[in-house]
N, C-alpha and C. Protein backbone atom coordinates (compact mmCIF):
# COMPACT_ATOMS: atom_id res chain seq x y z
N MET A 1 79.24 125.54 82.11
CA MET A 1 80.15 124.91 82.95
C MET A 1 80.35 123.74 82.98
N ILE A 2 81.46 123.29 83.35
CA ILE A 2 82.04 121.82 83.46
C ILE A 2 81.38 120.79 84.48
N SER A 3 80.69 119.85 84.15
CA SER A 3 80.23 118.93 85.24
C SER A 3 81.49 118.25 86.11
N ASP A 4 81.02 117.69 87.27
CA ASP A 4 81.84 117.17 87.99
C ASP A 4 82.65 115.65 87.31
N GLU A 5 81.50 114.95 86.72
CA GLU A 5 82.05 113.96 85.91
C GLU A 5 82.95 114.42 84.78
N GLU A 6 82.80 115.43 84.16
CA GLU A 6 83.65 115.79 83.00
C GLU A 6 85.07 116.25 83.49
N ARG A 7 84.92 116.98 84.83
CA ARG A 7 86.02 117.42 85.57
C ARG A 7 87.04 116.11 85.89
N TRP A 8 86.53 115.18 86.66
CA TRP A 8 87.27 113.96 86.93
C TRP A 8 87.65 113.38 85.75
N ASP A 9 86.91 113.06 84.71
CA ASP A 9 87.40 112.48 83.31
C ASP A 9 88.82 113.22 83.01
N GLU A 10 88.64 114.41 82.62
CA GLU A 10 89.81 115.16 82.31
C GLU A 10 90.95 114.93 83.32
N THR A 11 90.81 114.91 84.49
CA THR A 11 91.77 114.95 85.48
C THR A 11 92.52 113.59 85.46
N HIS A 12 91.86 112.41 85.12
CA HIS A 12 92.39 111.29 85.16
C HIS A 12 93.06 110.87 83.75
N LYS A 13 92.35 111.57 82.69
CA LYS A 13 93.08 111.37 81.10
C LYS A 13 94.65 112.25 81.29
N LYS A 14 94.64 113.26 82.25
CA LYS A 14 96.08 113.72 82.07
C LYS A 14 97.16 113.24 83.26
N SER A 15 96.49 112.45 84.12
CA SER A 15 97.42 111.89 85.35
C SER A 15 97.53 110.57 85.31
N HIS A 16 96.89 109.81 84.20
CA HIS A 16 96.87 108.42 84.23
C HIS A 16 98.13 107.90 83.71
N ASN A 17 98.76 107.00 84.74
CA ASN A 17 100.02 106.66 84.53
C ASN A 17 99.65 104.87 84.23
N PRO A 18 99.93 104.15 82.84
CA PRO A 18 99.82 103.03 83.05
C PRO A 18 100.87 102.05 83.84
N GLU A 19 101.86 102.46 84.40
CA GLU A 19 102.62 101.73 85.16
C GLU A 19 102.26 102.06 86.74
N GLU A 20 101.03 102.68 87.08
CA GLU A 20 100.72 102.93 88.62
C GLU A 20 100.90 101.84 89.53
N ILE A 21 101.38 102.03 90.52
CA ILE A 21 101.52 100.97 91.52
C ILE A 21 100.72 101.62 92.68
N HIS A 22 100.24 100.14 93.46
CA HIS A 22 99.34 100.51 94.47
C HIS A 22 100.04 101.25 95.67
N SER A 23 99.13 101.83 96.58
CA SER A 23 99.77 102.74 97.40
C SER A 23 100.41 101.92 98.66
N VAL A 24 101.24 102.39 99.50
CA VAL A 24 101.75 101.88 100.78
C VAL A 24 100.49 101.62 101.77
N TYR A 25 99.55 102.68 101.61
CA TYR A 25 98.47 102.54 102.69
C TYR A 25 97.72 101.05 102.28
N ALA A 26 97.11 101.14 101.00
CA ALA A 26 96.64 99.89 100.64
C ALA A 26 97.19 98.55 101.18
N GLU A 27 98.69 98.45 100.87
CA GLU A 27 99.15 97.33 101.40
C GLU A 27 99.40 97.30 102.92
N GLU A 28 99.24 98.29 103.63
CA GLU A 28 99.16 98.14 104.87
C GLU A 28 97.83 97.83 105.54
N LYS A 29 96.98 98.32 104.75
CA LYS A 29 95.37 97.91 105.47
C LYS A 29 95.03 96.59 105.13
N GLU A 30 95.39 96.40 103.62
CA GLU A 30 94.91 94.79 103.24
C GLU A 30 95.45 93.80 104.46
N LYS A 31 96.47 94.05 105.01
CA LYS A 31 96.73 92.88 106.01
C LYS A 31 95.65 92.84 107.06
N LEU A 32 95.10 93.66 107.25
CA LEU A 32 93.86 93.52 108.31
C LEU A 32 92.52 93.35 107.80
N PHE A 33 92.39 92.80 106.36
CA PHE A 33 91.02 92.53 105.81
C PHE A 33 91.17 90.98 105.96
N PRO A 34 89.91 90.60 106.52
CA PRO A 34 89.34 89.24 106.40
C PRO A 34 89.76 88.36 105.01
N ARG A 35 90.27 87.25 105.00
CA ARG A 35 90.58 86.58 103.73
C ARG A 35 89.28 86.67 103.17
N GLY A 36 89.30 86.79 101.51
CA GLY A 36 88.22 86.66 100.61
C GLY A 36 87.24 87.71 101.06
N SER A 37 87.54 89.03 101.41
CA SER A 37 86.95 90.16 101.50
C SER A 37 86.04 90.60 100.35
N LEU A 38 84.77 91.34 100.56
CA LEU A 38 84.28 92.03 99.52
C LEU A 38 84.61 93.54 99.84
N VAL A 39 85.24 94.03 99.28
CA VAL A 39 85.84 95.34 99.44
C VAL A 39 85.31 96.28 98.59
N VAL A 40 84.60 97.41 99.32
CA VAL A 40 84.05 98.35 98.50
C VAL A 40 85.07 99.63 98.49
N ASP A 41 85.46 100.05 97.59
CA ASP A 41 86.68 101.21 97.25
C ASP A 41 85.87 102.55 96.76
N LEU A 42 85.83 103.36 97.66
CA LEU A 42 84.98 104.87 97.25
C LEU A 42 86.07 105.44 96.80
N GLY A 43 85.59 105.80 95.38
CA GLY A 43 86.65 106.86 94.86
C GLY A 43 87.92 106.10 94.29
N GLY A 44 87.78 105.02 93.78
CA GLY A 44 89.04 104.04 93.21
C GLY A 44 89.43 104.29 92.41
N GLY A 45 88.92 105.36 91.40
CA GLY A 45 89.72 105.89 90.15
C GLY A 45 90.08 104.61 89.29
N THR A 46 91.24 104.73 88.67
CA THR A 46 91.72 103.89 88.02
C THR A 46 92.22 102.55 88.51
N GLY A 47 91.71 102.21 89.45
CA GLY A 47 92.07 101.02 90.27
C GLY A 47 93.38 100.38 90.61
N GLY A 48 94.21 101.64 91.03
CA GLY A 48 95.64 101.12 91.43
C GLY A 48 95.47 100.20 92.66
N ASP A 49 94.79 100.61 93.80
CA ASP A 49 94.74 99.88 94.79
C ASP A 49 93.66 98.67 94.78
N ALA A 50 92.84 98.72 94.06
CA ALA A 50 91.74 97.81 93.85
C ALA A 50 92.20 96.66 93.23
N LEU A 51 93.21 96.70 92.06
CA LEU A 51 93.97 95.59 91.64
C LEU A 51 94.72 94.97 92.61
N TYR A 52 95.42 95.55 93.50
CA TYR A 52 96.10 94.92 94.60
C TYR A 52 95.44 93.99 95.34
N PHE A 53 94.01 94.67 95.79
CA PHE A 53 93.12 93.94 96.58
C PHE A 53 92.72 92.50 95.77
N LEU A 54 92.51 92.65 94.51
CA LEU A 54 92.13 91.45 93.58
C LEU A 54 93.15 90.66 93.42
N GLN A 55 94.31 91.13 93.60
CA GLN A 55 95.36 89.96 93.33
C GLN A 55 95.61 89.34 94.71
N LYS A 56 95.07 89.80 95.88
CA LYS A 56 95.17 89.04 97.21
C LYS A 56 94.08 88.41 97.29
N GLY A 57 93.33 88.17 96.52
CA GLY A 57 92.16 87.08 96.65
C GLY A 57 90.97 88.12 97.06
N HIS A 58 90.55 88.87 97.00
CA HIS A 58 89.48 89.94 97.50
C HIS A 58 88.51 90.05 96.27
N SER A 59 87.22 90.38 96.51
CA SER A 59 86.50 90.82 95.54
C SER A 59 86.31 92.39 95.77
N VAL A 60 86.08 93.20 94.63
CA VAL A 60 86.32 94.64 94.89
C VAL A 60 85.10 95.15 94.27
N VAL A 61 84.35 96.30 94.74
CA VAL A 61 83.41 97.13 93.97
C VAL A 61 84.11 98.64 93.95
N ILE A 62 84.17 99.10 92.89
CA ILE A 62 84.97 100.45 92.72
C ILE A 62 83.64 101.34 92.40
N LEU A 63 83.55 102.49 93.36
CA LEU A 63 82.89 103.58 93.07
C LEU A 63 83.51 104.79 92.78
N ASP A 64 82.82 105.31 91.71
CA ASP A 64 83.61 106.58 91.09
C ASP A 64 82.92 107.33 90.24
N ILE A 65 83.12 108.68 90.21
CA ILE A 65 82.31 109.73 89.36
C ILE A 65 82.97 109.36 87.66
N SER A 66 83.94 108.91 87.72
CA SER A 66 84.60 108.89 86.29
C SER A 66 84.55 107.60 85.40
N SER A 67 83.76 107.75 84.58
CA SER A 67 83.54 106.81 83.46
C SER A 67 84.79 106.07 83.08
N PHE A 68 85.74 107.24 82.60
CA PHE A 68 87.09 106.99 82.10
C PHE A 68 88.00 106.24 82.96
N ALA A 69 88.06 106.68 84.32
CA ALA A 69 88.74 105.96 85.45
C ALA A 69 88.17 104.62 85.63
N LEU A 70 87.17 104.25 85.44
CA LEU A 70 86.38 103.13 85.75
C LEU A 70 86.56 102.14 84.73
N GLY A 71 86.92 102.53 83.42
CA GLY A 71 87.10 101.88 82.12
C GLY A 71 88.54 101.50 82.31
N ILE A 72 89.36 102.49 82.93
CA ILE A 72 90.82 101.88 82.80
C ILE A 72 90.98 100.73 83.99
N ALA A 73 90.24 100.81 85.41
CA ALA A 73 90.38 99.94 86.32
C ALA A 73 89.81 98.54 85.69
N GLN A 74 88.64 98.63 84.88
CA GLN A 74 88.07 97.14 84.26
C GLN A 74 89.17 96.58 83.13
N ALA A 75 90.01 97.52 82.48
CA ALA A 75 91.15 97.02 81.73
C ALA A 75 92.19 96.27 82.65
N LYS A 76 92.51 96.71 83.69
CA LYS A 76 93.53 96.35 84.44
C LYS A 76 93.21 95.00 84.87
N ALA A 77 91.93 94.97 85.23
CA ALA A 77 91.46 93.61 86.07
C ALA A 77 91.60 92.56 84.91
N LYS A 78 91.07 93.00 83.77
CA LYS A 78 91.06 91.81 82.38
C LYS A 78 92.42 91.47 82.11
N LYS A 79 93.23 92.43 82.37
CA LYS A 79 94.64 92.18 81.95
C LYS A 79 95.47 90.92 82.67
N HIS A 80 94.84 91.03 83.78
CA HIS A 80 95.34 89.91 85.13
C HIS A 80 94.37 88.91 85.22
N ASN A 81 93.44 88.71 84.33
CA ASN A 81 92.32 87.60 84.35
C ASN A 81 91.53 87.50 85.73
N LEU A 82 91.20 88.84 86.02
CA LEU A 82 90.54 89.18 87.57
C LEU A 82 89.39 89.96 87.21
N GLN A 83 88.88 89.93 86.15
CA GLN A 83 87.66 90.69 85.77
C GLN A 83 86.38 90.44 86.44
N GLU A 84 86.35 89.04 86.81
CA GLU A 84 85.31 88.25 87.40
C GLU A 84 84.93 88.66 88.81
N LYS A 85 86.01 89.02 89.11
CA LYS A 85 86.19 89.76 90.69
C LYS A 85 85.86 91.01 91.00
N LEU A 86 85.65 91.86 89.85
CA LEU A 86 85.75 93.42 90.03
C LEU A 86 84.31 93.99 89.44
N ALA A 87 83.60 94.87 90.30
CA ALA A 87 82.35 95.32 89.70
C ALA A 87 82.76 96.80 89.73
N VAL A 88 82.32 97.69 88.81
CA VAL A 88 82.33 98.92 88.91
C VAL A 88 81.21 99.85 88.64
N LYS A 89 80.83 100.62 89.50
CA LYS A 89 79.66 101.66 89.45
C LYS A 89 79.99 102.97 89.38
N GLN A 90 79.31 103.72 88.48
CA GLN A 90 79.47 105.39 88.38
C GLN A 90 78.63 105.79 89.42
N VAL A 91 78.98 106.63 90.38
CA VAL A 91 78.26 107.54 91.18
C VAL A 91 79.10 108.52 91.90
N ASP A 92 77.93 109.60 91.74
CA ASP A 92 78.64 111.04 92.29
C ASP A 92 78.14 110.89 93.81
N PHE A 93 79.29 110.89 94.56
CA PHE A 93 78.93 111.02 96.16
C PHE A 93 78.25 112.07 96.59
N GLY A 94 78.51 113.30 95.89
CA GLY A 94 77.87 114.63 96.25
C GLY A 94 76.35 114.75 96.14
N LEU A 95 75.75 113.58 95.23
CA LEU A 95 74.37 113.53 94.68
C LEU A 95 73.48 112.35 95.30
N HIS A 96 74.29 111.44 95.55
CA HIS A 96 73.59 109.92 95.52
C HIS A 96 73.91 109.20 96.76
N ALA A 97 73.02 108.43 97.20
CA ALA A 97 73.49 107.41 98.29
C ALA A 97 74.42 106.32 97.48
N LEU A 98 75.10 105.73 98.24
CA LEU A 98 75.89 104.52 97.71
C LEU A 98 74.91 103.24 97.15
N PRO A 99 75.28 102.85 96.04
CA PRO A 99 74.57 101.93 95.18
C PRO A 99 75.00 100.60 95.92
N ILE A 100 75.02 100.43 97.14
CA ILE A 100 75.58 98.94 97.62
C ILE A 100 74.45 98.53 98.78
N LYS A 101 74.11 97.27 98.64
CA LYS A 101 73.08 96.79 99.90
C LYS A 101 73.61 96.95 101.29
N PRO A 102 72.76 97.41 101.98
CA PRO A 102 72.95 97.45 103.37
C PRO A 102 73.64 96.14 103.79
N ASP A 103 74.50 96.13 104.81
CA ASP A 103 75.07 94.78 105.80
C ASP A 103 75.62 94.06 104.48
N SER A 104 76.49 94.41 103.54
CA SER A 104 76.93 93.48 102.53
C SER A 104 78.59 93.54 102.33
N ALA A 105 79.09 94.58 102.93
CA ALA A 105 80.83 94.64 102.70
C ALA A 105 81.54 94.40 103.82
N ASP A 106 82.58 93.64 103.39
CA ASP A 106 83.40 93.23 104.76
C ASP A 106 84.36 94.64 105.03
N VAL A 107 84.63 95.25 103.92
CA VAL A 107 85.74 96.45 103.98
C VAL A 107 85.03 97.55 103.26
N ALA A 108 85.08 98.80 103.85
CA ALA A 108 84.70 99.97 103.06
C ALA A 108 86.26 100.70 103.03
N TYR A 109 86.82 101.09 102.05
CA TYR A 109 88.05 101.83 101.79
C TYR A 109 88.16 102.89 100.82
N SER A 110 88.63 103.98 101.55
CA SER A 110 88.84 105.22 100.59
C SER A 110 90.04 105.87 100.95
N ARG A 111 90.84 106.14 99.94
CA ARG A 111 92.39 106.65 100.06
C ARG A 111 92.20 108.12 99.44
N ILE A 112 92.09 109.25 100.34
CA ILE A 112 92.01 110.39 99.92
C ILE A 112 91.07 110.93 98.80
N SER A 113 90.09 110.27 98.91
CA SER A 113 88.83 110.42 97.69
C SER A 113 87.71 111.25 98.28
N LEU A 114 87.28 111.58 99.39
CA LEU A 114 86.15 112.03 100.10
C LEU A 114 86.30 113.30 100.76
N HIS A 115 87.56 113.78 100.32
CA HIS A 115 87.39 115.28 100.94
C HIS A 115 86.97 116.58 99.98
N TYR A 116 85.83 116.25 99.42
CA TYR A 116 85.27 117.21 98.42
C TYR A 116 84.01 117.68 98.75
N TYR A 117 83.90 117.71 100.23
CA TYR A 117 82.45 117.99 100.67
C TYR A 117 82.48 118.69 101.98
N GLY A 118 81.48 119.46 102.46
CA GLY A 118 81.30 120.19 103.60
C GLY A 118 81.12 119.12 104.67
N LYS A 119 81.15 120.01 106.03
CA LYS A 119 80.72 119.01 107.07
C LYS A 119 79.59 118.25 106.95
N ASN A 120 78.38 118.76 106.84
CA ASN A 120 77.19 117.99 106.80
C ASN A 120 77.16 116.82 106.02
N HIS A 121 77.78 116.86 104.67
CA HIS A 121 77.56 115.97 103.60
C HIS A 121 78.64 114.91 103.95
N THR A 122 79.57 115.35 104.62
CA THR A 122 80.59 114.32 104.85
C THR A 122 80.28 113.34 106.09
N THR A 123 79.56 114.14 106.96
CA THR A 123 78.84 113.21 108.01
C THR A 123 78.07 112.25 107.47
N LYS A 124 77.06 112.50 106.38
CA LYS A 124 75.99 111.91 105.85
C LYS A 124 76.70 110.67 104.96
N LEU A 125 77.92 111.10 104.52
CA LEU A 125 78.75 109.85 103.85
C LEU A 125 79.14 108.83 104.92
N PHE A 126 79.59 109.42 106.08
CA PHE A 126 79.99 108.35 106.97
C PHE A 126 78.72 107.37 107.47
N ILE A 127 77.68 108.04 107.46
CA ILE A 127 76.32 107.39 107.61
C ILE A 127 75.82 106.16 106.59
N TYR A 128 76.28 106.64 105.40
CA TYR A 128 76.04 105.66 104.31
C TYR A 128 77.04 104.50 104.14
N ILE A 129 78.34 104.78 104.56
CA ILE A 129 79.49 104.07 104.56
C ILE A 129 79.19 102.86 105.77
N TYR A 130 78.76 103.40 106.87
CA TYR A 130 78.36 102.27 108.06
C TYR A 130 77.19 101.45 107.45
N GLU A 131 76.14 101.87 106.95
CA GLU A 131 75.16 101.09 106.57
C GLU A 131 75.70 99.94 105.68
N ILE A 132 76.43 100.27 104.71
CA ILE A 132 76.82 99.16 103.70
C ILE A 132 77.73 98.10 104.34
N LEU A 133 78.37 98.15 105.71
CA LEU A 133 79.39 97.33 106.11
C LEU A 133 78.44 96.07 106.74
N LYS A 134 78.84 94.93 106.69
CA LYS A 134 78.41 94.04 107.43
C LYS A 134 78.68 94.18 109.04
N PRO A 135 77.94 93.29 109.67
CA PRO A 135 78.19 93.47 111.23
C PRO A 135 79.53 92.90 111.32
N GLY A 136 80.39 93.52 112.14
CA GLY A 136 81.86 93.25 112.21
C GLY A 136 82.74 93.95 111.02
N GLY A 137 82.33 94.50 110.01
CA GLY A 137 83.05 95.00 108.90
C GLY A 137 83.46 96.32 109.26
N THR A 138 84.57 96.62 108.57
CA THR A 138 85.83 97.76 109.10
C THR A 138 85.77 98.68 107.89
N ALA A 139 85.43 100.27 108.14
CA ALA A 139 86.07 101.22 107.21
C ALA A 139 87.32 101.53 107.55
N TYR A 140 88.10 101.89 106.36
CA TYR A 140 89.36 102.70 106.46
C TYR A 140 89.46 103.59 105.49
N LEU A 141 89.08 105.03 106.13
CA LEU A 141 89.28 106.05 105.22
C LEU A 141 90.04 107.06 105.52
N THR A 142 90.77 107.74 104.40
CA THR A 142 91.75 108.84 104.68
C THR A 142 91.29 110.18 104.11
N PHE A 143 91.53 111.31 104.73
CA PHE A 143 91.41 112.64 104.48
C PHE A 143 92.55 113.39 104.39
N LYS A 144 92.65 114.36 103.21
CA LYS A 144 94.00 115.08 103.40
C LYS A 144 93.93 116.01 104.68
N SER A 145 95.20 116.33 105.37
CA SER A 145 95.21 116.89 106.56
C SER A 145 95.58 118.44 106.38
N PRO A 146 95.13 119.22 107.41
CA PRO A 146 95.37 120.71 107.40
C PRO A 146 96.80 120.59 108.01
N GLU A 147 97.42 119.76 108.42
CA GLU A 147 98.74 119.88 108.80
C GLU A 147 99.90 120.00 107.57
N ASP A 148 99.39 119.94 106.46
CA ASP A 148 100.09 120.06 105.38
C ASP A 148 100.06 121.54 105.12
N ILE A 149 101.07 122.21 105.64
CA ILE A 149 101.14 123.76 105.58
C ILE A 149 101.05 124.37 104.14
N GLU A 150 101.98 123.98 103.32
CA GLU A 150 101.97 124.38 102.12
C GLU A 150 100.74 124.58 101.28
N GLU A 151 100.11 123.46 101.34
CA GLU A 151 98.88 123.07 100.73
C GLU A 151 97.81 124.01 101.23
N MET A 152 97.64 124.03 102.73
CA MET A 152 96.81 124.98 103.25
C MET A 152 96.94 126.37 102.96
N ASP A 153 98.16 126.88 102.89
CA ASP A 153 98.43 128.40 102.41
C ASP A 153 98.16 128.47 101.12
N TYR A 154 98.23 127.49 100.30
CA TYR A 154 97.66 127.72 98.80
C TYR A 154 96.17 127.96 98.89
N LEU A 155 95.45 126.90 99.72
CA LEU A 155 94.07 127.10 99.71
C LEU A 155 93.56 128.42 100.09
N ARG A 156 94.23 128.85 101.49
CA ARG A 156 93.71 130.51 101.86
C ARG A 156 93.96 131.31 100.96
N ASN A 157 95.07 131.25 100.25
CA ASN A 157 95.53 132.25 99.25
C ASN A 157 94.64 132.34 97.83
N ILE A 158 94.14 131.19 97.50
CA ILE A 158 93.75 131.10 96.29
C ILE A 158 92.07 130.69 96.31
N GLY A 159 91.96 130.05 97.39
CA GLY A 159 90.34 129.63 97.35
C GLY A 159 89.63 130.62 98.44
N VAL A 160 88.25 130.42 98.36
CA VAL A 160 87.37 131.12 99.21
C VAL A 160 86.92 130.28 100.50
N GLU A 161 87.01 130.69 101.81
CA GLU A 161 86.63 129.75 102.57
C GLU A 161 84.94 129.49 102.69
N TYR A 162 84.71 128.36 102.80
CA TYR A 162 83.09 127.92 102.75
C TYR A 162 82.67 127.73 104.08
N GLU A 163 83.58 127.16 104.87
CA GLU A 163 83.34 126.86 106.36
C GLU A 163 84.67 126.16 107.01
N PRO A 164 84.83 126.39 108.00
CA PRO A 164 85.94 125.89 108.56
C PRO A 164 86.75 124.78 108.24
N ASN A 165 88.03 124.99 107.47
CA ASN A 165 88.81 124.00 106.81
C ASN A 165 88.10 123.49 105.47
N VAL A 166 87.40 124.39 105.16
CA VAL A 166 86.65 123.95 103.63
C VAL A 166 86.73 125.02 102.93
N TYR A 167 87.12 124.81 101.62
CA TYR A 167 87.47 126.04 100.92
C TYR A 167 86.94 125.75 99.23
N ILE A 168 86.53 126.68 98.59
CA ILE A 168 86.25 126.75 97.36
C ILE A 168 87.31 126.95 96.52
N GLU A 169 87.86 125.86 95.60
CA GLU A 169 89.14 126.14 94.64
C GLU A 169 88.71 125.74 93.24
N ASN A 170 88.86 126.63 92.44
CA ASN A 170 88.36 126.50 91.18
C ASN A 170 87.04 125.95 90.84
N GLY A 171 86.01 126.37 91.42
CA GLY A 171 84.82 125.82 91.40
C GLY A 171 84.51 124.46 92.33
N GLN A 172 85.47 123.98 92.90
CA GLN A 172 85.41 122.70 93.68
C GLN A 172 85.45 123.05 95.11
N LEU A 173 84.45 122.12 95.79
CA LEU A 173 85.02 122.19 97.30
C LEU A 173 86.28 121.42 97.50
N ARG A 174 86.97 121.72 98.77
CA ARG A 174 88.18 120.78 99.10
C ARG A 174 88.10 121.13 100.72
N SER A 175 87.85 120.02 101.14
CA SER A 175 88.05 120.03 102.83
C SER A 175 89.24 119.53 103.44
N ARG A 176 89.68 120.09 104.49
CA ARG A 176 90.67 119.80 105.25
C ARG A 176 90.55 119.78 106.65
N PHE A 177 89.76 118.76 106.91
CA PHE A 177 89.31 118.73 108.46
C PHE A 177 90.28 118.16 109.23
N ASP A 178 90.17 118.99 110.46
CA ASP A 178 91.37 118.17 111.46
C ASP A 178 90.75 117.10 112.22
N VAL A 179 91.72 116.48 113.12
CA VAL A 179 91.14 115.34 113.80
C VAL A 179 89.92 115.58 114.56
N ASP A 180 89.83 116.68 115.21
CA ASP A 180 88.85 116.99 116.17
C ASP A 180 87.29 117.11 115.08
N GLN A 181 87.54 117.69 114.12
CA GLN A 181 86.36 117.84 113.27
C GLN A 181 85.79 116.38 113.01
N LEU A 182 86.67 115.66 112.46
CA LEU A 182 86.46 114.34 111.93
C LEU A 182 85.76 113.52 113.13
N LYS A 183 86.34 113.60 114.16
CA LYS A 183 85.79 112.79 115.51
C LYS A 183 84.40 113.24 115.61
N SER A 184 84.22 114.60 115.60
CA SER A 184 82.90 115.12 115.83
C SER A 184 81.89 114.48 114.83
N MET A 185 82.17 114.56 113.61
CA MET A 185 81.16 114.18 112.45
C MET A 185 80.89 112.56 112.56
N VAL A 186 81.88 111.91 112.75
CA VAL A 186 81.66 110.34 113.07
C VAL A 186 80.70 110.35 114.20
N ALA A 187 80.80 111.14 115.32
CA ALA A 187 80.07 110.85 116.28
C ALA A 187 78.55 111.21 116.04
N GLN A 188 78.37 112.26 115.45
CA GLN A 188 77.02 113.05 114.86
C GLN A 188 76.36 111.77 114.12
N ALA A 189 77.42 110.94 113.38
CA ALA A 189 76.65 109.85 112.59
C ALA A 189 76.34 108.64 113.54
N ASP A 190 76.29 108.68 114.55
CA ASP A 190 76.08 107.74 115.54
C ASP A 190 76.82 106.45 115.24
N ILE A 191 77.91 106.82 115.12
CA ILE A 191 78.92 105.42 115.16
C ILE A 191 79.68 105.74 116.29
N THR A 192 79.98 104.61 117.21
CA THR A 192 80.57 104.45 118.35
C THR A 192 82.01 104.02 118.38
N ASN A 193 82.19 103.09 117.72
CA ASN A 193 83.33 102.14 117.74
C ASN A 193 84.30 102.58 116.43
N PHE A 194 84.79 103.97 116.84
CA PHE A 194 85.79 104.54 115.84
C PHE A 194 87.10 104.82 116.28
N GLU A 195 88.00 105.26 115.39
CA GLU A 195 89.23 105.93 115.88
C GLU A 195 89.60 106.92 114.74
N VAL A 196 90.09 108.15 115.00
CA VAL A 196 90.50 109.08 114.18
C VAL A 196 91.82 109.41 114.42
N LYS A 197 93.04 109.43 113.48
CA LYS A 197 94.34 109.57 114.01
C LYS A 197 95.06 110.12 112.87
N PRO A 198 95.93 111.08 113.20
CA PRO A 198 96.87 111.58 111.88
C PRO A 198 97.77 110.30 111.42
N TYR A 199 97.87 110.42 110.20
CA TYR A 199 98.73 109.16 109.62
C TYR A 199 99.45 109.88 108.51
N LYS A 200 100.82 109.26 108.48
CA LYS A 200 101.90 109.90 107.53
C LYS A 200 102.08 108.84 106.54
N GLU A 201 101.45 108.78 105.30
CA GLU A 201 101.75 108.02 104.39
C GLU A 201 102.92 108.06 103.50
N GLU A 202 103.76 106.96 103.24
CA GLU A 202 104.78 107.16 102.44
C GLU A 202 104.56 106.87 100.87
N LEU A 203 105.08 107.80 100.09
CA LEU A 203 104.54 107.67 98.59
C LEU A 203 105.81 107.27 98.14
N ARG A 204 105.67 106.54 97.08
CA ARG A 204 106.85 105.75 96.29
C ARG A 204 106.35 105.68 94.74
N ASP A 205 107.49 105.66 94.09
CA ASP A 205 107.15 105.51 92.57
C ASP A 205 107.81 104.35 92.09
N LYS A 206 107.90 103.99 90.76
CA LYS A 206 108.46 102.89 90.19
C LYS A 206 110.20 102.95 90.58
N HIS A 207 110.56 104.14 90.65
CA HIS A 207 112.16 104.41 90.72
C HIS A 207 112.35 104.22 92.30
N GLY A 208 111.68 104.14 92.89
CA GLY A 208 111.94 103.97 94.43
C GLY A 208 111.82 105.30 95.19
N LEU A 209 111.56 106.54 94.39
CA LEU A 209 111.90 107.53 95.02
C LEU A 209 110.69 107.87 96.25
N LYS A 210 110.71 108.55 97.10
CA LYS A 210 109.91 108.39 98.39
C LYS A 210 109.63 109.75 98.91
N THR A 211 108.54 110.22 98.97
CA THR A 211 107.83 111.45 99.66
C THR A 211 107.02 110.97 100.74
N ALA A 212 106.07 111.82 101.32
CA ALA A 212 105.43 111.61 102.47
C ALA A 212 103.96 112.58 102.20
N LEU A 213 102.72 111.89 102.67
CA LEU A 213 101.67 112.43 102.40
C LEU A 213 100.63 112.41 103.94
N LEU A 214 100.77 113.87 104.27
CA LEU A 214 99.80 114.04 105.52
C LEU A 214 98.48 113.98 105.45
N VAL A 215 97.98 112.84 106.20
CA VAL A 215 96.51 112.67 106.26
C VAL A 215 95.83 112.32 107.45
N ASN A 216 94.56 112.18 107.54
CA ASN A 216 93.97 112.02 108.99
C ASN A 216 93.40 110.56 108.54
N GLU A 217 93.37 109.62 109.35
CA GLU A 217 92.70 108.29 109.22
C GLU A 217 91.56 108.21 109.90
N VAL A 218 90.20 107.84 109.45
CA VAL A 218 89.22 107.61 110.00
C VAL A 218 88.92 106.13 109.89
N SER A 219 88.71 105.39 110.92
CA SER A 219 88.36 103.88 110.74
C SER A 219 87.38 103.62 111.93
N PHE A 220 86.58 102.57 111.53
CA PHE A 220 85.30 102.37 112.31
C PHE A 220 84.73 100.95 111.98
N LYS A 221 84.32 100.06 113.18
CA LYS A 221 83.88 99.14 112.89
C LYS A 221 82.25 99.02 113.06
N LYS A 222 81.59 98.18 112.35
CA LYS A 222 79.98 98.09 112.59
C LYS A 222 79.79 96.98 113.62
N VAL A 223 78.95 97.47 114.60
CA VAL A 223 78.86 96.58 115.69
C VAL A 223 77.33 95.94 115.69
């Protein structure tokens, strides 16, 4: 049986694009970061968004399960002479707590990288993320939405329902929590200053072609 690390290494090897550009979501959220922030990018993969944050003057720690993806991210930073501002740590979010000191991050950021767990573990991740934030630090996290009807039809037809809005597909959990489910989980994590809302992210490629991604955004500030 293939391990999760091997699965994600293979995924990144197949999908890696040397001309990858940062996401519209990263561009929008970076405007809200304090200048010179320490940003923890959870599931940052090959570092498309992380490189953008580095170029904007922030320091970044990428946490990801794929050693292949982390190597690509390091190479990108080195190419732009930004390697001293980047740290990478290999971690399986399904097995380990976050290897970041409590009260140390200005920003916790994750773009569609944490929807591979059930309700209880996702709640635990919210607790971990809250812990690493400095007082006043903010988390910006997006999760794929069940409002994507085509994808939900696929999961219902191909996958096995594990719990409400969570499916097992090809040996992997895939969650598509709705807004109310996410609100409940954040509240169960004893986080009070939060917002959960639908978010339609514009996708673009180097040719300027545009599509849209339906997600739910969870944001919260440590008090």
